[in-house]
Amino acid sequence: MLAQVKQLATQFGTTILMVTHHPEDAVAIADQVLLIDEGKVKYHLNIDQLSANNESLKDYIS
C-alpha cells in the first residue's frame, strides 16, 4: 500500500503528510522526514541525509 501512496503522490504531484510511529514506513515513501520529540522538531532532513553519521537518529530509525 505504501508503494501505491508514493506512486499517487508522484503521479499527481501532490504533497502527502504521513504521521507514523513506524520509521520504516516513513522511509519507504518519504523524500523528507520530520522527527518530533516532546512537541519540538528534533530533525528535519531530506531522506538522503538519513544515512548521515547522526547516532541519535540512527538509533530511532533502526
C-alpha atoms as a PDB file:
ATOM      1  CA  MET A   1       0.000   0.000   0.000  1.00  0.00           C
ATOM      2  CA  LEU A   2       2.858   2.410   0.738  1.00  0.00           C
ATOM      3  CA  ALA A   3       4.155   1.979  -2.790  1.00  0.00           C
ATOM      4  CA  GLN A   4       0.719   2.958  -4.123  1.00  0.00           C
ATOM      5  CA  VAL A   5       0.638   6.066  -1.938  1.00  0.00           C
ATOM      6  CA  LYS A   6       4.071   7.110  -3.185  1.00  0.00           C
ATOM      7  CA  GLN A   7       3.074   6.412  -6.799  1.00  0.00           C
ATOM      8  CA  LEU A   8      -0.104   8.519  -6.492  1.00  0.00           C
ATOM      9  CA  ALA A   9       1.783  11.409  -4.902  1.00  0.00           C
ATOM     10  CA  THR A  10       4.306  11.336  -7.738  1.00  0.00           C
ATOM     11  CA  GLN A  11       1.645  10.916 -10.416  1.00  0.00           C
ATOM     12  CA  PHE A  12      -0.458  13.837  -9.204  1.00  0.00           C
ATOM     13  CA  GLY A  13       2.422  15.997  -7.977  1.00  0.00           C
ATOM     14  CA  THR A  14       0.899  16.401  -4.554  1.00  0.00           C
ATOM     15  CA  THR A  15       2.248  16.540  -1.023  1.00  0.00           C
ATOM     16  CA  ILE A  16       1.246  13.900   1.498  1.00  0.00           C
ATOM     17  CA  LEU A  17       1.595  14.329   5.230  1.00  0.00           C
ATOM     18  CA  MET A  18       2.028  10.964   6.921  1.00  0.00           C
ATOM     19  CA  VAL A  19       2.158  10.643  10.683  1.00  0.00           C
ATOM     20  CA  THR A  20       3.590   7.360  11.918  1.00  0.00           C
ATOM     21  CA  HIS A  21       5.397   5.704  14.783  1.00  0.00           C
ATOM     22  CA  HIS A  22       6.965   3.289  12.303  1.00  0.00           C
ATOM     23  CA  PRO A  23      10.096   4.836  10.807  1.00  0.00           C
ATOM     24  CA  GLU A  24      10.400   2.115   8.178  1.00  0.00           C
ATOM     25  CA  ASP A  25       7.049   3.264   6.732  1.00  0.00           C
ATOM     26  CA  ALA A  26       8.219   6.862   6.592  1.00  0.00           C
ATOM     27  CA  VAL A  27      11.467   5.919   4.901  1.00  0.00           C
ATOM     28  CA  ALA A  28       9.588   3.812   2.330  1.00  0.00           C
ATOM     29  CA  ILE A  29       7.653   6.752   0.871  1.00  0.00           C
ATOM     30  CA  ALA A  30       9.231   9.961   2.129  1.00  0.00           C
ATOM     31  CA  ASP A  31      11.519  12.436   0.487  1.00  0.00           C
ATOM     32  CA  GLN A  32      11.700  14.390   3.760  1.00  0.00           C
ATOM     33  CA  VAL A  33      11.457  13.287   7.380  1.00  0.00           C
ATOM     34  CA  LEU A  34      10.467  15.424  10.343  1.00  0.00           C
ATOM     35  CA  LEU A  35      11.113  13.898  13.762  1.00  0.00           C
ATOM     36  CA  ILE A  36       9.193  15.487  16.622  1.00  0.00           C
ATOM     37  CA  ASP A  37      10.193  14.735  20.208  1.00  0.00           C
ATOM     38  CA  GLU A  38       8.206  16.097  23.159  1.00  0.00           C
ATOM     39  CA  GLY A  39       6.374  18.522  20.869  1.00  0.00           C
ATOM     40  CA  LYS A  40       9.512  20.022  19.356  1.00  0.00           C
ATOM     41  CA  VAL A  41      11.092  19.427  15.968  1.00  0.00           C
ATOM     42  CA  LYS A  42      14.252  17.476  16.607  1.00  0.00           C
ATOM     43  CA  TYR A  43      15.212  16.706  12.983  1.00  0.00           C
ATOM     44  CA  HIS A  44      14.029  17.898   9.576  1.00  0.00           C
ATOM     45  CA  LEU A  45      16.024  16.056   6.941  1.00  0.00           C
ATOM     46  CA  ASN A  46      15.882  15.023   3.323  1.00  0.00           C
ATOM     47  CA  ILE A  47      15.639  11.256   3.030  1.00  0.00           C
ATOM     48  CA  ASP A  48      19.196  11.185   1.622  1.00  0.00           C
ATOM     49  CA  GLN A  49      20.509  12.729   4.851  1.00  0.00           C
ATOM     50  CA  LEU A  50      19.235   9.841   6.980  1.00  0.00           C
ATOM     51  CA  SER A  51      22.417   7.895   6.358  1.00  0.00           C
ATOM     52  CA  ALA A  52      24.498  10.712   7.846  1.00  0.00           C
ATOM     53  CA  ASN A  53      26.502   9.976  10.971  1.00  0.00           C
ATOM     54  CA  ASN A  54      23.846  11.103  13.423  1.00  0.00           C
ATOM     55  CA  GLU A  55      23.772   8.447  16.121  1.00  0.00           C
ATOM     56  CA  SER A  56      20.557   9.675  17.774  1.00  0.00           C
ATOM     57  CA  LEU A  57      18.637   9.485  14.530  1.00  0.00           C
ATOM     58  CA  LYS A  58      20.173   6.134  13.608  1.00  0.00           C
ATOM     59  CA  ASP A  59      19.001   4.740  16.982  1.00  0.00           C
ATOM     60  CA  TYR A  60      15.475   5.954  16.284  1.00  0.00           C
ATOM     61  CA  ILE A  61      15.303   4.561  12.755  1.00  0.00           C
ATOM     62  CA  SER A  62      16.821   1.147  13.462  1.00  0.00           C
END
